[in-house]
């Protein structure tokens, strides 16, 4: 790019062109990053099956399925970390049901879960 700017034409080189191969490969929901690292820990086929189980949903694109899977991962990670903090306060390393209950009561964002896990 520096050579192009020095030449004065200022046009991007072919591999930097917008809408090229790199942009086309980003249009699909990626399941793995370069190097074999998975971007989603949840199986997308299962997430898609859960979405299709809803009678109100008629179509769900791969990108939507990927985003739902990622959101579920982040939710589980967040509530698990908060529950683990509750377990550490009790000087334990193993999560118990009461740790989840305490995390739900302590964090306002989890208020919609209150009373959901009652036996």
PDB file of N, CA and C in Angstrom:
ATOM      1  N   UNK A   1       0.832  -1.186   0.000  1.00  0.00           N
ATOM      2  CA  UNK A   1       0.000   0.000   0.000  1.00  0.00           C
ATOM      3  C   UNK A   1       0.872   1.243   0.000  1.00  0.00           C
ATOM      4  N   UNK A   2       2.035   1.155   0.684  1.00  0.00           N
ATOM      5  CA  UNK A   2       2.927   2.302   0.723  1.00  0.00           C
ATOM      6  C   UNK A   2       3.473   2.606  -0.667  1.00  0.00           C
ATOM      7  N   UNK A   3       3.733   1.546  -1.448  1.00  0.00           N
ATOM      8  CA  UNK A   3       4.237   1.747  -2.806  1.00  0.00           C
ATOM      9  C   UNK A   3       3.169   2.412  -3.673  1.00  0.00           C
ATOM     10  N   UNK A   4       1.911   2.017  -3.487  1.00  0.00           N
ATOM     11  CA  UNK A   4       0.822   2.608  -4.261  1.00  0.00           C
ATOM     12  C   UNK A   4       0.633   4.068  -3.880  1.00  0.00           C
ATOM     13  N   UNK A   5       0.767   4.385  -2.585  1.00  0.00           N
ATOM     14  CA  UNK A   5       0.615   5.770  -2.152  1.00  0.00           C
ATOM     15  C   UNK A   5       1.782   6.610  -2.651  1.00  0.00           C
ATOM     16  N   UNK A   6       2.987   6.011  -2.669  1.00  0.00           N
ATOM     17  CA  UNK A   6       4.148   6.743  -3.153  1.00  0.00           C
ATOM     18  C   UNK A   6       4.040   7.009  -4.648  1.00  0.00           C
ATOM     19  N   UNK A   7       3.415   6.068  -5.367  1.00  0.00           N
ATOM     20  CA  UNK A   7       3.235   6.248  -6.806  1.00  0.00           C
ATOM     21  C   UNK A   7       2.182   7.311  -7.087  1.00  0.00           C
ATOM     22  N   UNK A   8       1.345   7.579  -6.112  1.00  0.00           N
ATOM     23  CA  UNK A   8       0.383   8.653  -6.265  1.00  0.00           C
ATOM     24  C   UNK A   8      -0.980   8.201  -6.761  1.00  0.00           C
ATOM     25  N   UNK A   9      -1.172   6.896  -7.073  1.00  0.00           N
ATOM     26  CA  UNK A   9      -2.482   6.509  -7.581  1.00  0.00           C
ATOM     27  C   UNK A   9      -3.473   6.227  -6.460  1.00  0.00           C
ATOM     28  N   UNK A  10      -3.022   5.835  -5.263  1.00  0.00           N
ATOM     29  CA  UNK A  10      -3.891   5.694  -4.102  1.00  0.00           C
ATOM     30  C   UNK A  10      -4.951   4.617  -4.207  1.00  0.00           C
ATOM     31  N   UNK A  11      -4.953   3.784  -5.234  1.00  0.00           N
ATOM     32  CA  UNK A  11      -5.940   2.722  -5.347  1.00  0.00           C
ATOM     33  C   UNK A  11      -5.461   1.509  -4.579  1.00  0.00           C
ATOM     34  N   UNK A  12      -6.354   0.824  -3.899  1.00  0.00           N
ATOM     35  CA  UNK A  12      -5.934  -0.356  -3.146  1.00  0.00           C
ATOM     36  C   UNK A  12      -5.537  -1.484  -4.098  1.00  0.00           C
ATOM     37  N   UNK A  13      -4.624  -2.298  -3.619  1.00  0.00           N
ATOM     38  CA  UNK A  13      -4.203  -3.449  -4.411  1.00  0.00           C
ATOM     39  C   UNK A  13      -5.326  -4.466  -4.471  1.00  0.00           C
ATOM     40  N   UNK A  14      -5.174  -5.430  -5.347  1.00  0.00           N
ATOM     41  CA  UNK A  14      -6.243  -6.394  -5.601  1.00  0.00           C
ATOM     42  C   UNK A  14      -6.634  -7.176  -4.353  1.00  0.00           C
ATOM     43  N   UNK A  15      -5.644  -7.621  -3.544  1.00  0.00           N
ATOM     44  CA  UNK A  15      -5.977  -8.420  -2.373  1.00  0.00           C
ATOM     45  C   UNK A  15      -6.631  -7.600  -1.264  1.00  0.00           C
ATOM     46  N   UNK A  16      -6.604  -6.295  -1.336  1.00  0.00           N
ATOM     47  CA  UNK A  16      -7.227  -5.455  -0.336  1.00  0.00           C
ATOM     48  C   UNK A  16      -8.578  -4.920  -0.784  1.00  0.00           C
ATOM     49  N   UNK A  17      -9.024  -5.318  -1.950  1.00  0.00           N
ATOM     50  CA  UNK A  17     -10.263  -4.779  -2.504  1.00  0.00           C
ATOM     51  C   UNK A  17     -11.452  -5.175  -1.647  1.00  0.00           C
ATOM     52  N   UNK A  18     -12.346  -4.226  -1.331  1.00  0.00           N
ATOM     53  CA  UNK A  18     -13.546  -4.576  -0.563  1.00  0.00           C
ATOM     54  C   UNK A  18     -14.456  -5.454  -1.400  1.00  0.00           C
ATOM     55  N   UNK A  19     -15.097  -6.408  -0.734  1.00  0.00           N
ATOM     56  CA  UNK A  19     -16.025  -7.290  -1.430  1.00  0.00           C
ATOM     57  C   UNK A  19     -15.319  -8.448  -2.108  1.00  0.00           C
ATOM     58  N   UNK A  20     -14.046  -8.637  -1.821  1.00  0.00           N
ATOM     59  CA  UNK A  20     -13.284  -9.729  -2.415  1.00  0.00           C
ATOM     60  C   UNK A  20     -13.566 -11.043  -1.713  1.00  0.00           C
ATOM     61  N   UNK A  21     -12.627 -11.964  -1.817  1.00  0.00           N
ATOM     62  CA  UNK A  21     -12.811 -13.276  -1.223  1.00  0.00           C
ATOM     63  C   UNK A  21     -12.974 -13.195   0.280  1.00  0.00           C
ATOM     64  N   UNK A  22     -12.222 -12.340   0.937  1.00  0.00           N
ATOM     65  CA  UNK A  22     -12.310 -12.233   2.390  1.00  0.00           C
ATOM     66  C   UNK A  22     -13.708 -11.799   2.812  1.00  0.00           C
ATOM     67  N   UNK A  23     -14.295 -10.848   2.114  1.00  0.00           N
ATOM     68  CA  UNK A  23     -15.642 -10.397   2.457  1.00  0.00           C
ATOM     69  C   UNK A  23     -16.671 -11.474   2.154  1.00  0.00           C
ATOM     70  N   UNK A  24     -16.468 -12.236   1.093  1.00  0.00           N
ATOM     71  CA  UNK A  24     -17.418 -13.292   0.746  1.00  0.00           C
ATOM     72  C   UNK A  24     -17.386 -14.412   1.772  1.00  0.00           C
ATOM     73  N   UNK A  25     -16.214 -14.726   2.311  1.00  0.00           N
ATOM     74  CA  UNK A  25     -16.143 -15.805   3.288  1.00  0.00           C
ATOM     75  C   UNK A  25     -16.731 -15.386   4.625  1.00  0.00           C
ATOM     76  N   UNK A  26     -16.824 -14.077   4.907  1.00  0.00           N
ATOM     77  CA  UNK A  26     -17.410 -13.619   6.153  1.00  0.00           C
ATOM     78  C   UNK A  26     -18.929 -13.596   6.097  1.00  0.00           C
ATOM     79  N   UNK A  27     -19.519 -13.760   4.945  1.00  0.00           N
ATOM     80  CA  UNK A  27     -20.966 -13.706   4.824  1.00  0.00           C
ATOM     81  C   UNK A  27     -21.620 -14.914   5.462  1.00  0.00           C
ATOM     82  N   UNK A  28     -20.925 -16.044   5.496  1.00  0.00           N
ATOM     83  CA  UNK A  28     -21.478 -17.236   6.118  1.00  0.00           C
ATOM     84  C   UNK A  28     -21.057 -17.269   7.576  1.00  0.00           C
ATOM     85  N   UNK A  29     -21.876 -17.920   8.398  1.00  0.00           N
ATOM     86  CA  UNK A  29     -21.548 -18.027   9.804  1.00  0.00           C
ATOM     87  C   UNK A  29     -20.400 -19.011   9.969  1.00  0.00           C
ATOM     88  N   UNK A  30     -19.269 -18.542  10.454  1.00  0.00           N
ATOM     89  CA  UNK A  30     -18.121 -19.435  10.579  1.00  0.00           C
ATOM     90  C   UNK A  30     -18.274 -20.367  11.766  1.00  0.00           C
ATOM     91  N   UNK A  31     -17.881 -21.614  11.574  1.00  0.00           N
ATOM     92  CA  UNK A  31     -17.890 -22.557  12.685  1.00  0.00           C
ATOM     93  C   UNK A  31     -16.495 -22.769  13.213  1.00  0.00           C
ATOM     94  N   UNK A  32     -15.481 -22.408  12.412  1.00  0.00           N
ATOM     95  CA  UNK A  32     -14.115 -22.510  12.890  1.00  0.00           C
ATOM     96  C   UNK A  32     -13.288 -21.397  12.286  1.00  0.00           C
ATOM     97  N   UNK A  33     -12.328 -20.968  13.056  1.00  0.00           N
ATOM     98  CA  UNK A  33     -11.427 -19.919  12.611  1.00  0.00           C
ATOM     99  C   UNK A  33     -10.231 -20.561  11.929  1.00  0.00           C
ATOM    100  N   UNK A  34      -9.466 -19.778  11.211  1.00  0.00           N
ATOM    101  CA  UNK A  34      -8.253 -20.329  10.630  1.00  0.00           C
ATOM    102  C   UNK A  34      -7.369 -20.911  11.725  1.00  0.00           C
ATOM    103  N   UNK A  35      -6.813 -22.060  11.469  1.00  0.00           N
ATOM    104  CA  UNK A  35      -6.008 -22.725  12.484  1.00  0.00           C
ATOM    105  C   UNK A  35      -6.779 -23.809  13.208  1.00  0.00           C
ATOM    106  N   UNK A  36      -8.038 -24.044  12.831  1.00  0.00           N
ATOM    107  CA  UNK A  36      -8.821 -25.132  13.412  1.00  0.00           C
ATOM    108  C   UNK A  36      -9.477 -24.818  14.740  1.00  0.00           C
ATOM    109  N   UNK A  37      -9.457 -23.579  15.204  1.00  0.00           N
ATOM    110  CA  UNK A  37     -10.088 -23.209  16.464  1.00  0.00           C
ATOM    111  C   UNK A  37     -11.573 -23.008  16.227  1.00  0.00           C
ATOM    112  N   UNK A  38     -12.399 -23.687  17.040  1.00  0.00           N
ATOM    113  CA  UNK A  38     -13.853 -23.542  16.901  1.00  0.00           C
ATOM    114  C   UNK A  38     -14.308 -22.216  17.482  1.00  0.00           C
ATOM    115  N   UNK A  39     -15.197 -21.537  16.764  1.00  0.00           N
ATOM    116  CA  UNK A  39     -15.733 -20.264  17.245  1.00  0.00           C
ATOM    117  C   UNK A  39     -16.952 -20.476  18.136  1.00  0.00           C
ATOM    118  N   UNK A  40     -17.583 -21.618  18.026  1.00  0.00           N
ATOM    119  CA  UNK A  40     -18.762 -21.927  18.825  1.00  0.00           C
ATOM    120  C   UNK A  40     -18.537 -23.248  19.543  1.00  0.00           C
ATOM    121  N   UNK A  41     -18.745 -23.246  20.843  1.00  0.00           N
ATOM    122  CA  UNK A  41     -18.574 -24.476  21.614  1.00  0.00           C
ATOM    123  C   UNK A  41     -19.835 -25.332  21.591  1.00  0.00           C
ATOM    124  N   UNK A  42     -20.965 -24.712  21.338  1.00  0.00           N
ATOM    125  CA  UNK A  42     -22.210 -25.462  21.267  1.00  0.00           C
ATOM    126  C   UNK A  42     -22.407 -25.990  19.852  1.00  0.00           C
ATOM    127  N   UNK A  43     -22.944 -27.193  19.734  1.00  0.00           N
ATOM    128  CA  UNK A  43     -23.186 -27.724  18.386  1.00  0.00           C
ATOM    129  C   UNK A  43     -24.309 -26.945  17.698  1.00  0.00           C
ATOM    130  N   UNK A  44     -23.995 -26.387  16.536  1.00  0.00           N
ATOM    131  CA  UNK A  44     -24.960 -25.539  15.831  1.00  0.00           C
ATOM    132  C   UNK A  44     -26.182 -26.321  15.378  1.00  0.00           C
ATOM    133  N   UNK A  45     -26.020 -27.609  15.102  1.00  0.00           N
ATOM    134  CA  UNK A  45     -27.166 -28.425  14.695  1.00  0.00           C
ATOM    135  C   UNK A  45     -28.184 -28.536  15.833  1.00  0.00           C
ATOM    136  N   UNK A  46     -27.697 -28.648  17.062  1.00  0.00           N
ATOM    137  CA  UNK A  46     -28.611 -28.711  18.205  1.00  0.00           C
ATOM    138  C   UNK A  46     -29.305 -27.379  18.436  1.00  0.00           C
ATOM    139  N   UNK A  47     -28.562 -26.297  18.292  1.00  0.00           N
ATOM    140  CA  UNK A  47     -29.160 -24.968  18.454  1.00  0.00           C
ATOM    141  C   UNK A  47     -30.235 -24.769  17.392  1.00  0.00           C
ATOM    142  N   UNK A  48     -29.935 -25.182  16.168  1.00  0.00           N
ATOM    143  CA  UNK A  48     -30.909 -25.052  15.089  1.00  0.00           C
ATOM    144  C   UNK A  48     -32.155 -25.888  15.384  1.00  0.00           C
ATOM    145  N   UNK A  49     -31.969 -27.089  15.929  1.00  0.00           N
ATOM    146  CA  UNK A  49     -33.115 -27.933  16.280  1.00  0.00           C
ATOM    147  C   UNK A  49     -33.973 -27.270  17.354  1.00  0.00           C
ATOM    148  N   UNK A  50     -33.331 -26.620  18.319  1.00  0.00           N
ATOM    149  CA  UNK A  50     -34.088 -25.917  19.360  1.00  0.00           C
ATOM    150  C   UNK A  50     -34.871 -24.747  18.777  1.00  0.00           C
ATOM    151  N   UNK A  51     -34.257 -24.031  17.848  1.00  0.00           N
ATOM    152  CA  UNK A  51     -34.942 -22.899  17.219  1.00  0.00           C
ATOM    153  C   UNK A  51     -36.118 -23.399  16.397  1.00  0.00           C
ATOM    154  N   UNK A  52     -35.930 -24.483  15.667  1.00  0.00           N
ATOM    155  CA  UNK A  52     -37.014 -25.023  14.840  1.00  0.00           C
ATOM    156  C   UNK A  52     -38.154 -25.588  15.674  1.00  0.00           C
ATOM    157  N   UNK A  53     -37.882 -25.930  16.931  1.00  0.00           N
ATOM    158  CA  UNK A  53     -38.930 -26.462  17.802  1.00  0.00           C
ATOM    159  C   UNK A  53     -39.958 -25.391  18.160  1.00  0.00           C
ATOM    160  N   UNK A  54     -39.593 -24.126  17.995  1.00  0.00           N
ATOM    161  CA  UNK A  54     -40.516 -23.031  18.269  1.00  0.00           C
ATOM    162  C   UNK A  54     -41.479 -22.887  17.095  1.00  0.00           C
ATOM    163  N   UNK A  55     -42.782 -23.021  17.328  1.00  0.00           N
ATOM    164  CA  UNK A  55     -43.735 -22.940  16.220  1.00  0.00           C
ATOM    165  C   UNK A  55     -43.816 -21.545  15.583  1.00  0.00           C
ATOM    166  N   UNK A  56     -43.356 -20.520  16.290  1.00  0.00           N
ATOM    167  CA  UNK A  56     -43.401 -19.173  15.739  1.00  0.00           C
ATOM    168  C   UNK A  56     -42.273 -18.901  14.746  1.00  0.00           C
ATOM    169  N   UNK A  57     -41.244 -19.732  14.748  1.00  0.00           N
ATOM    170  CA  UNK A  57     -40.097 -19.527  13.862  1.00  0.00           C
ATOM    171  C   UNK A  57     -40.300 -20.356  12.602  1.00  0.00           C
ATOM    172  N   UNK A  58     -40.272 -19.678  11.450  1.00  0.00           N
ATOM    173  CA  UNK A  58     -40.405 -20.398  10.183  1.00  0.00           C
ATOM    174  C   UNK A  58     -39.062 -20.580   9.497  1.00  0.00           C
ATOM    175  N   UNK A  59     -38.240 -19.557   9.519  1.00  0.00           N
ATOM    176  CA  UNK A  59     -36.918 -19.620   8.911  1.00  0.00           C
ATOM    177  C   UNK A  59     -35.887 -19.080   9.887  1.00  0.00           C
ATOM    178  N   UNK A  60     -34.703 -19.704   9.877  1.00  0.00           N
ATOM    179  CA  UNK A  60     -33.597 -19.214  10.697  1.00  0.00           C
ATOM    180  C   UNK A  60     -32.318 -19.428   9.913  1.00  0.00           C
ATOM    181  N   UNK A  61     -31.641 -18.346   9.586  1.00  0.00           N
ATOM    182  CA  UNK A  61     -30.407 -18.427   8.831  1.00  0.00           C
ATOM    183  C   UNK A  61     -29.250 -18.904   9.679  1.00  0.00           C
ATOM    184  N   UNK A  62     -28.188 -19.330   9.015  1.00  0.00           N
ATOM    185  CA  UNK A  62     -27.007 -19.824   9.710  1.00  0.00           C
ATOM    186  C   UNK A  62     -26.383 -18.752  10.595  1.00  0.00           C
ATOM    187  N   UNK A  63     -26.396 -17.509  10.144  1.00  0.00           N
ATOM    188  CA  UNK A  63     -25.834 -16.439  10.963  1.00  0.00           C
ATOM    189  C   UNK A  63     -26.631 -16.259  12.248  1.00  0.00           C
ATOM    190  N   UNK A  64     -27.939 -16.343  12.153  1.00  0.00           N
ATOM    191  CA  UNK A  64     -28.788 -16.215  13.341  1.00  0.00           C
ATOM    192  C   UNK A  64     -28.541 -17.372  14.306  1.00  0.00           C
ATOM    193  N   UNK A  65     -28.397 -18.567  13.777  1.00  0.00           N
ATOM    194  CA  UNK A  65     -28.123 -19.740  14.613  1.00  0.00           C
ATOM    195  C   UNK A  65     -26.785 -19.564  15.317  1.00  0.00           C
ATOM    196  N   UNK A  66     -25.774 -19.094  14.593  1.00  0.00           N
ATOM    197  CA  UNK A  66     -24.456 -18.880  15.180  1.00  0.00           C
ATOM    198  C   UNK A  66     -24.510 -17.840  16.290  1.00  0.00           C
ATOM    199  N   UNK A  67     -25.234 -16.750  16.051  1.00  0.00           N
ATOM    200  CA  UNK A  67     -25.328 -15.687  17.061  1.00  0.00           C
ATOM    201  C   UNK A  67     -26.084 -16.180  18.290  1.00  0.00           C
ATOM    202  N   UNK A  68     -27.139 -16.947  18.095  1.00  0.00           N
ATOM    203  CA  UNK A  68     -27.863 -17.513  19.239  1.00  0.00           C
ATOM    204  C   UNK A  68     -26.976 -18.459  20.041  1.00  0.00           C
ATOM    205  N   UNK A  69     -26.186 -19.279  19.353  1.00  0.00           N
ATOM    206  CA  UNK A  69     -25.273 -20.193  20.037  1.00  0.00           C
ATOM    207  C   UNK A  69     -24.234 -19.414  20.830  1.00  0.00           C
ATOM    208  N   UNK A  70     -23.697 -18.372  20.241  1.00  0.00           N
ATOM    209  CA  UNK A  70     -22.684 -17.560  20.931  1.00  0.00           C
ATOM    210  C   UNK A  70     -23.293 -16.845  22.133  1.00  0.00           C
ATOM    211  N   UNK A  71     -24.510 -16.339  21.983  1.00  0.00           N
ATOM    212  CA  UNK A  71     -25.184 -15.668  23.105  1.00  0.00           C
ATOM    213  C   UNK A  71     -25.440 -16.652  24.246  1.00  0.00           C
ATOM    214  N   UNK A  72     -25.832 -17.875  23.918  1.00  0.00           N
ATOM    215  CA  UNK A  72     -26.057 -18.890  24.947  1.00  0.00           C
ATOM    216  C   UNK A  72     -24.753 -19.219  25.672  1.00  0.00           C
ATOM    217  N   UNK A  73     -23.657 -19.310  24.924  1.00  0.00           N
ATOM    218  CA  UNK A  73     -22.353 -19.568  25.538  1.00  0.00           C
ATOM    219  C   UNK A  73     -21.980 -18.464  26.516  1.00  0.00           C
ATOM    220  N   UNK A  74     -22.164 -17.223  26.094  1.00  0.00           N
ATOM    221  CA  UNK A  74     -21.823 -16.096  26.964  1.00  0.00           C
ATOM    222  C   UNK A  74     -22.700 -16.060  28.205  1.00  0.00           C
ATOM    223  N   UNK A  75     -23.976 -16.400  28.046  1.00  0.00           N
ATOM    224  CA  UNK A  75     -24.889 -16.437  29.186  1.00  0.00           C
ATOM    225  C   UNK A  75     -24.460 -17.501  30.189  1.00  0.00           C
ATOM    226  N   UNK A  76     -24.167 -18.702  29.699  1.00  0.00           N
ATOM    227  CA  UNK A  76     -23.754 -19.791  30.583  1.00  0.00           C
ATOM    228  C   UNK A  76     -22.434 -19.436  31.273  1.00  0.00           C
ATOM    229  N   UNK A  77     -21.521 -18.842  30.520  1.00  0.00           N
ATOM    230  CA  UNK A  77     -20.234 -18.448  31.096  1.00  0.00           C
ATOM    231  C   UNK A  77     -20.420 -17.425  32.211  1.00  0.00           C
ATOM    232  N   UNK A  78     -21.280 -16.450  31.982  1.00  0.00           N
ATOM    233  CA  UNK A  78     -21.504 -15.397  32.965  1.00  0.00           C
ATOM    234  C   UNK A  78     -22.146 -15.936  34.230  1.00  0.00           C
ATOM    235  N   UNK A  79     -23.177 -16.737  34.085  1.00  0.00           N
ATOM    236  CA  UNK A  79     -23.851 -17.248  35.280  1.00  0.00           C
ATOM    237  C   UNK A  79     -22.968 -18.255  36.017  1.00  0.00           C
ATOM    238  N   UNK A  80     -22.144 -18.997  35.285  1.00  0.00           N
ATOM    239  CA  UNK A  80     -21.227 -19.942  35.930  1.00  0.00           C
ATOM    240  C   UNK A  80     -20.155 -19.206  36.729  1.00  0.00           C
ATOM    241  N   UNK A  81     -19.636 -18.111  36.176  1.00  0.00           N
ATOM    242  CA  UNK A  81     -18.629 -17.333  36.913  1.00  0.00           C
ATOM    243  C   UNK A  81     -19.218 -16.742  38.183  1.00  0.00           C
ATOM    244  N   UNK A  82     -20.437 -16.214  38.085  1.00  0.00           N
ATOM    245  CA  UNK A  82     -21.071 -15.639  39.261  1.00  0.00           C
ATOM    246  C   UNK A  82     -21.373 -16.718  40.306  1.00  0.00           C
ATOM    247  N   UNK A  83     -21.803 -17.882  39.855  1.00  0.00           N
ATOM    248  CA  UNK A  83     -22.073 -18.976  40.785  1.00  0.00           C
ATOM    249  C   UNK A  83     -20.775 -19.473  41.417  1.00  0.00           C
ATOM    250  N   UNK A  84     -19.688 -19.475  40.649  1.00  0.00           N
ATOM    251  CA  UNK A  84     -18.406 -19.899  41.195  1.00  0.00           C
ATOM    252  C   UNK A  84     -17.926 -18.931  42.271  1.00  0.00           C
ATOM    253  N   UNK A  85     -18.194 -17.656  42.089  1.00  0.00           N
ATOM    254  CA  UNK A  85     -17.845 -16.668  43.125  1.00  0.00           C
ATOM    255  C   UNK A  85     -18.603 -16.964  44.414  1.00  0.00           C
ATOM    256  N   UNK A  86     -19.852 -17.360  44.277  1.00  0.00           N
ATOM    257  CA  UNK A  86     -20.646 -17.727  45.460  1.00  0.00           C
ATOM    258  C   UNK A  86     -20.074 -18.970  46.129  1.00  0.00           C
ATOM    259  N   UNK A  87     -19.595 -19.920  45.344  1.00  0.00           N
ATOM    260  CA  UNK A  87     -18.989 -21.127  45.900  1.00  0.00           C
ATOM    261  C   UNK A  87     -17.687 -20.792  46.609  1.00  0.00           C
ATOM    262  N   UNK A  88     -16.906 -19.875  46.041  1.00  0.00           N
ATOM    263  CA  UNK A  88     -15.652 -19.477  46.681  1.00  0.00           C
ATOM    264  C   UNK A  88     -15.898 -18.773  48.007  1.00  0.00           C
ATOM    265  N   UNK A  89     -16.984 -18.030  48.105  1.00  0.00           N
ATOM    266  CA  UNK A  89     -17.312 -17.381  49.372  1.00  0.00           C
ATOM    267  C   UNK A  89     -17.592 -18.424  50.446  1.00  0.00           C
ATOM    268  N   UNK A  90     -18.097 -19.571  50.036  1.00  0.00           N
ATOM    269  CA  UNK A  90     -18.327 -20.679  50.965  1.00  0.00           C
ATOM    270  C   UNK A  90     -17.115 -21.577  51.093  1.00  0.00           C
ATOM    271  N   UNK A  91     -15.968 -21.138  50.545  1.00  0.00           N
ATOM    272  CA  UNK A  91     -14.703 -21.869  50.591  1.00  0.00           C
ATOM    273  C   UNK A  91     -14.809 -23.242  49.943  1.00  0.00           C
ATOM    274  N   UNK A  92     -15.522 -23.281  48.802  1.00  0.00           N
ATOM    275  CA  UNK A  92     -15.671 -24.512  48.024  1.00  0.00           C
ATOM    276  C   UNK A  92     -15.241 -24.255  46.595  1.00  0.00           C
ATOM    277  N   UNK A  93     -14.862 -25.331  45.905  1.00  0.00           N
ATOM    278  CA  UNK A  93     -14.521 -25.230  44.487  1.00  0.00           C
ATOM    279  C   UNK A  93     -15.594 -25.864  43.616  1.00  0.00           C
ATOM    280  N   UNK A  94     -16.460 -26.639  44.217  1.00  0.00           N
ATOM    281  CA  UNK A  94     -17.514 -27.325  43.473  1.00  0.00           C
ATOM    282  C   UNK A  94     -18.797 -26.513  43.520  1.00  0.00           C
ATOM    283  N   UNK A  95     -19.376 -26.285  42.339  1.00  0.00           N
ATOM    284  CA  UNK A  95     -20.638 -25.559  42.283  1.00  0.00           C
ATOM    285  C   UNK A  95     -21.779 -26.447  42.771  1.00  0.00           C
ATOM    286  N   UNK A  96     -22.663 -25.835  43.513  1.00  0.00           N
ATOM    287  CA  UNK A  96     -23.868 -26.520  43.955  1.00  0.00           C
ATOM    288  C   UNK A  96     -25.065 -25.699  43.507  1.00  0.00           C
ATOM    289  N   UNK A  97     -26.214 -26.314  43.608  1.00  0.00           N
ATOM    290  CA  UNK A  97     -27.450 -25.650  43.191  1.00  0.00           C
ATOM    291  C   UNK A  97     -27.658 -24.336  43.936  1.00  0.00           C
ATOM    292  N   UNK A  98     -27.338 -24.340  45.203  1.00  0.00           N
ATOM    293  CA  UNK A  98     -27.535 -23.119  46.002  1.00  0.00           C
ATOM    294  C   UNK A  98     -26.631 -21.987  45.514  1.00  0.00           C
ATOM    295  N   UNK A  99     -25.475 -22.317  44.910  1.00  0.00           N
ATOM    296  CA  UNK A  99     -24.608 -21.278  44.350  1.00  0.00           C
ATOM    297  C   UNK A  99     -25.288 -20.597  43.166  1.00  0.00           C
ATOM    298  N   UNK A 100     -25.952 -21.375  42.329  1.00  0.00           N
ATOM    299  CA  UNK A 100     -26.720 -20.795  41.226  1.00  0.00           C
ATOM    300  C   UNK A 100     -27.860 -19.946  41.761  1.00  0.00           C
ATOM    301  N   UNK A 101     -28.552 -20.451  42.770  1.00  0.00           N
ATOM    302  CA  UNK A 101     -29.644 -19.670  43.374  1.00  0.00           C
ATOM    303  C   UNK A 101     -29.133 -18.350  43.947  1.00  0.00           C
ATOM    304  N   UNK A 102     -27.982 -18.397  44.616  1.00  0.00           N
ATOM    305  CA  UNK A 102     -27.405 -17.175  45.195  1.00  0.00           C
ATOM    306  C   UNK A 102     -26.980 -16.195  44.108  1.00  0.00           C
ATOM    307  N   UNK A 103     -26.411 -16.716  43.016  1.00  0.00           N
ATOM    308  CA  UNK A 103     -26.000 -15.848  41.907  1.00  0.00           C
ATOM    309  C   UNK A 103     -27.218 -15.195  41.261  1.00  0.00           C
ATOM    310  N   UNK A 104     -28.294 -15.953  41.120  1.00  0.00           N
ATOM    311  CA  UNK A 104     -29.531 -15.416  40.528  1.00  0.00           C
ATOM    312  C   UNK A 104     -30.102 -14.314  41.404  1.00  0.00           C
ATOM    313  N   UNK A 105     -30.057 -14.503  42.721  1.00  0.00           N
ATOM    314  CA  UNK A 105     -30.578 -13.487  43.636  1.00  0.00           C
ATOM    315  C   UNK A 105     -29.678 -12.258  43.693  1.00  0.00           C
ATOM    316  N   UNK A 106     -28.361 -12.449  43.552  1.00  0.00           N
ATOM    317  CA  UNK A 106     -27.418 -11.353  43.723  1.00  0.00           C
ATOM    318  C   UNK A 106     -27.303 -10.451  42.498  1.00  0.00           C
ATOM    319  N   UNK A 107     -27.516 -10.992  41.312  1.00  0.00           N
ATOM    320  CA  UNK A 107     -27.297 -10.227  40.086  1.00  0.00           C
ATOM    321  C   UNK A 107     -28.650  -9.852  39.488  1.00  0.00           C
ATOM    322  N   UNK A 108     -28.860  -8.558  39.268  1.00  0.00           N
ATOM    323  CA  UNK A 108     -30.145  -8.067  38.764  1.00  0.00           C
ATOM    324  C   UNK A 108     -30.469  -8.603  37.375  1.00  0.00           C
ATOM    325  N   UNK A 109     -29.438  -8.824  36.550  1.00  0.00           N
ATOM    326  CA  UNK A 109     -29.674  -9.310  35.184  1.00  0.00           C
ATOM    327  C   UNK A 109     -30.290 -10.702  35.154  1.00  0.00           C
ATOM    328  N   UNK A 110     -30.151 -11.445  36.261  1.00  0.00           N
ATOM    329  CA  UNK A 110     -30.704 -12.799  36.322  1.00  0.00           C
ATOM    330  C   UNK A 110     -32.061 -12.840  37.017  1.00  0.00           C
ATOM    331  N   UNK A 111     -32.690 -11.692  37.224  1.00  0.00           N
ATOM    332  CA  UNK A 111     -33.958 -11.630  37.941  1.00  0.00           C
ATOM    333  C   UNK A 111     -35.041 -12.450  37.233  1.00  0.00           C
ATOM    334  N   UNK A 112     -34.958 -12.565  35.915  1.00  0.00           N
ATOM    335  CA  UNK A 112     -35.976 -13.324  35.190  1.00  0.00           C
ATOM    336  C   UNK A 112     -35.903 -14.822  35.498  1.00  0.00           C
ATOM    337  N   UNK A 113     -34.828 -15.283  36.121  1.00  0.00           N
ATOM    338  CA  UNK A 113     -34.672 -16.697  36.466  1.00  0.00           C
ATOM    339  C   UNK A 113     -35.157 -17.016  37.885  1.00  0.00           C
ATOM    340  N   UNK A 114     -35.489 -15.988  38.656  1.00  0.00           N
ATOM    341  CA  UNK A 114     -35.894 -16.230  40.053  1.00  0.00           C
ATOM    342  C   UNK A 114     -37.143 -17.109  40.086  1.00  0.00           C
ATOM    343  N   UNK A 115     -37.077 -18.148  40.904  1.00  0.00           N
ATOM    344  CA  UNK A 115     -38.194 -19.056  41.054  1.00  0.00           C
ATOM    345  C   UNK A 115     -38.325 -20.089  39.959  1.00  0.00           C
ATOM    346  N   UNK A 116     -37.468 -20.023  38.971  1.00  0.00           N
ATOM    347  CA  UNK A 116     -37.557 -20.942  37.826  1.00  0.00           C
ATOM    348  C   UNK A 116     -37.069 -22.340  38.175  1.00  0.00           C
ATOM    349  N   UNK A 117     -36.129 -22.431  39.104  1.00  0.00           N
ATOM    350  CA  UNK A 117     -35.526 -23.723  39.413  1.00  0.00           C
ATOM    351  C   UNK A 117     -36.049 -24.303  40.716  1.00  0.00           C
ATOM    352  N   UNK A 118     -37.211 -23.897  41.137  1.00  0.00           N
ATOM    353  CA  UNK A 118     -37.782 -24.435  42.376  1.00  0.00           C
ATOM    354  C   UNK A 118     -38.214 -25.873  42.159  1.00  0.00           C
ATOM    355  N   UNK A 119     -37.988 -26.683  43.165  1.00  0.00           N
ATOM    356  CA  UNK A 119     -38.373 -28.116  43.074  1.00  0.00           C
ATOM    357  C   UNK A 119     -39.806 -28.318  43.394  1.00  0.00           C
TER     358      UNK A 119
END
